[in-house]
Amino acid sequence: MTAADDATIARWLAGHPGWRHDAVRGALIRDHAFADFERAFAFMAAVAIRAQARDHHPEWHNVHRHVTVAWTTHDAGGVSARDFEMAAYGDTVAAALGAG
């Protein structure tokens, strides 16, 4: 697995509003706000199931109805195709749960 270059990351970000690239961490990061803790937890559970199946796990932080997710591929030393895939999946789950 290789890390994506800056141009590839920029193109991906252009099509995925709400995400940002932390070049220092080599990660894609997004903050999700849900209506309540139950929906935030449902988001985390759904993403966790897919992450386990893909053997690719997020760094995340949850406080009440807010979840911050970071995707990075440590073996690649930055953002890889696996991170793009999981971030996009998380967006689909978040949208289905009414994240703002």
N, C-alpha and C. Protein backbone atom coordinates (compact mmCIF):
# COMPACT_ATOMS: atom_id res chain seq x y z
N MET A 1 0.85 -1.17 0.00
CA MET A 1 0.00 0.00 0.00
C MET A 1 0.90 1.24 0.00
N THR A 2 0.58 2.17 -0.88
CA THR A 2 1.37 3.41 -0.95
C THR A 2 0.50 4.60 -0.59
N ALA A 3 1.15 5.64 -0.09
CA ALA A 3 0.44 6.87 0.27
C ALA A 3 0.09 7.66 -0.99
N ALA A 4 -1.06 8.27 -0.97
CA ALA A 4 -1.49 9.13 -2.08
C ALA A 4 -0.68 10.42 -2.07
N ASP A 5 -0.47 10.98 -3.25
CA ASP A 5 0.24 12.25 -3.32
C ASP A 5 -0.73 13.40 -3.06
N ASP A 6 -0.19 14.60 -2.89
CA ASP A 6 -1.00 15.77 -2.54
C ASP A 6 -2.07 16.06 -3.59
N ALA A 7 -1.74 15.90 -4.86
CA ALA A 7 -2.72 16.17 -5.93
C ALA A 7 -3.90 15.20 -5.86
N THR A 8 -3.62 13.94 -5.59
CA THR A 8 -4.69 12.94 -5.47
C THR A 8 -5.58 13.25 -4.28
N ILE A 9 -4.97 13.61 -3.18
CA ILE A 9 -5.74 13.96 -1.98
C ILE A 9 -6.60 15.19 -2.25
N ALA A 10 -6.03 16.19 -2.91
CA ALA A 10 -6.79 17.42 -3.22
C ALA A 10 -7.98 17.12 -4.11
N ARG A 11 -7.80 16.26 -5.10
CA ARG A 11 -8.92 15.88 -5.99
C ARG A 11 -10.01 15.17 -5.19
N TRP A 12 -9.62 14.27 -4.29
CA TRP A 12 -10.60 13.55 -3.49
C TRP A 12 -11.35 14.52 -2.58
N LEU A 13 -10.62 15.41 -1.94
CA LEU A 13 -11.26 16.38 -1.03
C LEU A 13 -12.26 17.27 -1.77
N ALA A 14 -11.96 17.61 -3.02
CA ALA A 14 -12.86 18.47 -3.80
C ALA A 14 -14.23 17.82 -3.98
N GLY A 15 -14.27 16.51 -3.99
CA GLY A 15 -15.55 15.80 -4.16
C GLY A 15 -16.18 15.33 -2.87
N HIS A 16 -15.54 15.65 -1.74
CA HIS A 16 -16.03 15.18 -0.44
C HIS A 16 -16.00 16.32 0.57
N PRO A 17 -17.00 17.19 0.49
CA PRO A 17 -17.03 18.33 1.41
C PRO A 17 -17.08 17.88 2.88
N GLY A 18 -16.47 18.67 3.71
CA GLY A 18 -16.46 18.38 5.14
C GLY A 18 -15.17 17.72 5.59
N TRP A 19 -14.45 17.12 4.66
CA TRP A 19 -13.17 16.46 4.99
C TRP A 19 -12.04 17.46 4.85
N ARG A 20 -11.01 17.26 5.64
CA ARG A 20 -9.79 18.05 5.52
C ARG A 20 -8.59 17.10 5.61
N HIS A 21 -7.48 17.57 5.10
CA HIS A 21 -6.25 16.78 5.14
C HIS A 21 -5.31 17.39 6.16
N ASP A 22 -4.88 16.60 7.11
CA ASP A 22 -3.87 17.02 8.08
C ASP A 22 -2.55 16.42 7.59
N ALA A 23 -1.74 17.25 6.94
CA ALA A 23 -0.49 16.77 6.35
C ALA A 23 0.50 16.31 7.41
N VAL A 24 0.46 16.92 8.58
CA VAL A 24 1.38 16.53 9.65
C VAL A 24 1.07 15.11 10.11
N ARG A 25 -0.19 14.82 10.30
CA ARG A 25 -0.60 13.47 10.73
C ARG A 25 -0.70 12.50 9.57
N GLY A 26 -0.77 13.04 8.35
CA GLY A 26 -0.99 12.18 7.19
C GLY A 26 -2.35 11.53 7.25
N ALA A 27 -3.38 12.33 7.52
CA ALA A 27 -4.71 11.78 7.75
C ALA A 27 -5.80 12.63 7.12
N LEU A 28 -6.90 11.96 6.77
CA LEU A 28 -8.14 12.62 6.40
C LEU A 28 -8.95 12.75 7.68
N ILE A 29 -9.53 13.93 7.92
CA ILE A 29 -10.25 14.17 9.17
C ILE A 29 -11.60 14.82 8.87
N ARG A 30 -12.59 14.38 9.62
CA ARG A 30 -13.93 14.98 9.50
C ARG A 30 -14.63 14.95 10.85
N ASP A 31 -15.37 16.01 11.10
CA ASP A 31 -16.22 16.11 12.28
C ASP A 31 -17.66 15.88 11.85
N HIS A 32 -18.35 14.97 12.52
CA HIS A 32 -19.76 14.70 12.25
C HIS A 32 -20.57 15.12 13.47
N ALA A 33 -21.70 15.77 13.24
CA ALA A 33 -22.62 16.12 14.31
C ALA A 33 -23.95 15.42 14.04
N PHE A 34 -24.40 14.66 15.01
CA PHE A 34 -25.66 13.92 14.90
C PHE A 34 -26.71 14.56 15.80
N ALA A 35 -27.93 14.12 15.67
CA ALA A 35 -29.03 14.66 16.47
C ALA A 35 -28.88 14.31 17.94
N ASP A 36 -28.27 13.16 18.20
CA ASP A 36 -28.16 12.70 19.59
C ASP A 36 -27.05 11.65 19.70
N PHE A 37 -26.79 11.23 20.93
CA PHE A 37 -25.75 10.24 21.18
C PHE A 37 -26.07 8.90 20.52
N GLU A 38 -27.33 8.52 20.53
CA GLU A 38 -27.71 7.24 19.95
C GLU A 38 -27.31 7.16 18.48
N ARG A 39 -27.54 8.23 17.72
CA ARG A 39 -27.16 8.22 16.31
C ARG A 39 -25.64 8.27 16.13
N ALA A 40 -24.97 9.01 16.99
CA ALA A 40 -23.51 9.04 16.94
C ALA A 40 -22.95 7.64 17.18
N PHE A 41 -23.50 6.95 18.16
CA PHE A 41 -23.05 5.61 18.47
C PHE A 41 -23.38 4.63 17.35
N ALA A 42 -24.55 4.79 16.74
CA ALA A 42 -24.94 3.93 15.61
C ALA A 42 -23.95 4.11 14.45
N PHE A 43 -23.53 5.35 14.22
CA PHE A 43 -22.53 5.63 13.19
C PHE A 43 -21.23 4.89 13.51
N MET A 44 -20.77 5.03 14.74
CA MET A 44 -19.52 4.39 15.12
C MET A 44 -19.62 2.87 15.01
N ALA A 45 -20.76 2.30 15.39
CA ALA A 45 -20.94 0.85 15.31
C ALA A 45 -20.89 0.37 13.86
N ALA A 46 -21.59 1.07 12.98
CA ALA A 46 -21.61 0.67 11.57
C ALA A 46 -20.22 0.76 10.95
N VAL A 47 -19.52 1.86 11.23
CA VAL A 47 -18.17 2.03 10.68
C VAL A 47 -17.23 0.98 11.28
N ALA A 48 -17.39 0.69 12.57
CA ALA A 48 -16.53 -0.30 13.23
C ALA A 48 -16.68 -1.68 12.59
N ILE A 49 -17.89 -2.06 12.24
CA ILE A 49 -18.11 -3.36 11.61
C ILE A 49 -17.39 -3.43 10.26
N ARG A 50 -17.53 -2.39 9.46
CA ARG A 50 -16.85 -2.36 8.15
C ARG A 50 -15.33 -2.30 8.35
N ALA A 51 -14.87 -1.50 9.31
CA ALA A 51 -13.44 -1.37 9.57
C ALA A 51 -12.83 -2.71 9.97
N GLN A 52 -13.52 -3.44 10.81
CA GLN A 52 -13.03 -4.75 11.24
C GLN A 52 -12.96 -5.71 10.05
N ALA A 53 -13.98 -5.69 9.23
CA ALA A 53 -14.00 -6.57 8.05
C ALA A 53 -12.87 -6.24 7.08
N ARG A 54 -12.51 -4.96 6.99
CA ARG A 54 -11.45 -4.52 6.09
C ARG A 54 -10.08 -4.50 6.77
N ASP A 55 -10.05 -4.78 8.07
CA ASP A 55 -8.81 -4.71 8.86
C ASP A 55 -8.14 -3.35 8.68
N HIS A 56 -8.97 -2.31 8.77
CA HIS A 56 -8.48 -0.93 8.63
C HIS A 56 -9.31 -0.05 9.56
N HIS A 57 -8.71 0.39 10.64
CA HIS A 57 -9.45 1.00 11.74
C HIS A 57 -9.19 2.49 11.86
N PRO A 58 -10.22 3.25 12.23
CA PRO A 58 -10.07 4.69 12.34
C PRO A 58 -9.47 5.10 13.68
N GLU A 59 -9.01 6.33 13.70
CA GLU A 59 -8.76 7.02 14.96
C GLU A 59 -9.98 7.92 15.11
N TRP A 60 -10.63 7.87 16.25
CA TRP A 60 -11.80 8.72 16.42
C TRP A 60 -12.00 9.14 17.85
N HIS A 61 -12.86 10.14 17.98
CA HIS A 61 -13.16 10.73 19.28
C HIS A 61 -14.65 11.04 19.29
N ASN A 62 -15.31 10.67 20.37
CA ASN A 62 -16.75 10.89 20.50
C ASN A 62 -17.05 11.64 21.78
N VAL A 63 -17.81 12.71 21.66
CA VAL A 63 -18.37 13.41 22.82
C VAL A 63 -19.84 13.65 22.50
N HIS A 64 -20.69 13.03 23.28
CA HIS A 64 -22.14 13.12 23.14
C HIS A 64 -22.57 12.86 21.70
N ARG A 65 -22.98 13.89 20.97
CA ARG A 65 -23.52 13.69 19.62
C ARG A 65 -22.50 13.99 18.52
N HIS A 66 -21.26 14.25 18.90
CA HIS A 66 -20.20 14.59 17.95
C HIS A 66 -19.17 13.46 17.84
N VAL A 67 -18.79 13.17 16.60
CA VAL A 67 -17.75 12.16 16.33
C VAL A 67 -16.75 12.78 15.37
N THR A 68 -15.49 12.77 15.76
CA THR A 68 -14.41 13.19 14.87
C THR A 68 -13.67 11.93 14.43
N VAL A 69 -13.52 11.79 13.12
CA VAL A 69 -12.90 10.59 12.55
C VAL A 69 -11.64 10.99 11.81
N ALA A 70 -10.59 10.21 11.99
CA ALA A 70 -9.35 10.37 11.22
C ALA A 70 -9.00 9.04 10.58
N TRP A 71 -8.71 9.10 9.30
CA TRP A 71 -8.27 7.92 8.56
C TRP A 71 -6.86 8.13 8.07
N THR A 72 -5.99 7.18 8.36
CA THR A 72 -4.62 7.18 7.87
C THR A 72 -4.17 5.74 7.75
N THR A 73 -3.23 5.50 6.86
CA THR A 73 -2.65 4.18 6.70
C THR A 73 -1.23 4.25 7.22
N HIS A 74 -1.04 3.78 8.43
CA HIS A 74 0.27 3.90 9.07
C HIS A 74 1.36 3.20 8.27
N ASP A 75 1.05 2.03 7.71
CA ASP A 75 2.04 1.29 6.92
C ASP A 75 2.50 2.06 5.69
N ALA A 76 1.61 2.90 5.15
CA ALA A 76 1.95 3.68 3.96
C ALA A 76 2.55 5.04 4.33
N GLY A 77 2.42 5.41 5.56
CA GLY A 77 2.94 6.71 5.99
C GLY A 77 2.08 7.88 5.56
N GLY A 78 0.79 7.65 5.41
CA GLY A 78 -0.12 8.73 5.02
C GLY A 78 -1.45 8.18 4.56
N VAL A 79 -2.14 8.96 3.75
CA VAL A 79 -3.47 8.61 3.25
C VAL A 79 -3.32 7.65 2.07
N SER A 80 -4.11 6.59 2.08
CA SER A 80 -4.09 5.61 0.98
C SER A 80 -5.50 5.40 0.45
N ALA A 81 -5.60 4.56 -0.55
CA ALA A 81 -6.90 4.22 -1.13
C ALA A 81 -7.84 3.64 -0.08
N ARG A 82 -7.30 2.94 0.89
CA ARG A 82 -8.13 2.36 1.96
C ARG A 82 -8.82 3.47 2.76
N ASP A 83 -8.12 4.57 2.98
CA ASP A 83 -8.69 5.69 3.73
C ASP A 83 -9.79 6.37 2.94
N PHE A 84 -9.56 6.56 1.64
CA PHE A 84 -10.61 7.15 0.80
C PHE A 84 -11.87 6.29 0.84
N GLU A 85 -11.70 4.99 0.72
CA GLU A 85 -12.85 4.07 0.73
C GLU A 85 -13.61 4.15 2.05
N MET A 86 -12.89 4.10 3.17
CA MET A 86 -13.55 4.09 4.47
C MET A 86 -14.18 5.45 4.78
N ALA A 87 -13.53 6.52 4.39
CA ALA A 87 -14.10 7.85 4.61
C ALA A 87 -15.41 8.02 3.83
N ALA A 88 -15.41 7.57 2.58
CA ALA A 88 -16.63 7.65 1.77
C ALA A 88 -17.74 6.78 2.36
N TYR A 89 -17.39 5.60 2.84
CA TYR A 89 -18.39 4.75 3.49
C TYR A 89 -18.96 5.45 4.72
N GLY A 90 -18.11 6.05 5.53
CA GLY A 90 -18.58 6.78 6.70
C GLY A 90 -19.52 7.90 6.34
N ASP A 91 -19.26 8.59 5.23
CA ASP A 91 -20.15 9.65 4.78
C ASP A 91 -21.54 9.10 4.45
N THR A 92 -21.57 7.94 3.82
CA THR A 92 -22.85 7.31 3.48
C THR A 92 -23.63 6.96 4.76
N VAL A 93 -22.95 6.39 5.72
CA VAL A 93 -23.59 6.04 6.99
C VAL A 93 -24.06 7.30 7.72
N ALA A 94 -23.19 8.30 7.78
CA ALA A 94 -23.54 9.54 8.48
C ALA A 94 -24.77 10.19 7.85
N ALA A 95 -24.81 10.23 6.53
CA ALA A 95 -25.96 10.83 5.84
C ALA A 95 -27.24 10.05 6.15
N ALA A 96 -27.17 8.74 6.18
CA ALA A 96 -28.34 7.93 6.47
C ALA A 96 -28.84 8.16 7.89
N LEU A 97 -27.94 8.56 8.78
CA LEU A 97 -28.31 8.82 10.18
C LEU A 97 -28.59 10.30 10.43
N GLY A 98 -28.62 11.09 9.37
CA GLY A 98 -29.00 12.49 9.47
C GLY A 98 -27.94 13.44 10.00
N ALA A 99 -26.67 13.06 9.84
CA ALA A 99 -25.59 13.94 10.34
C ALA A 99 -25.63 15.27 9.61
N GLY A 100 -25.25 16.30 10.35
CA GLY A 100 -25.21 17.63 9.75
C GLY A 100 -23.81 18.09 9.50
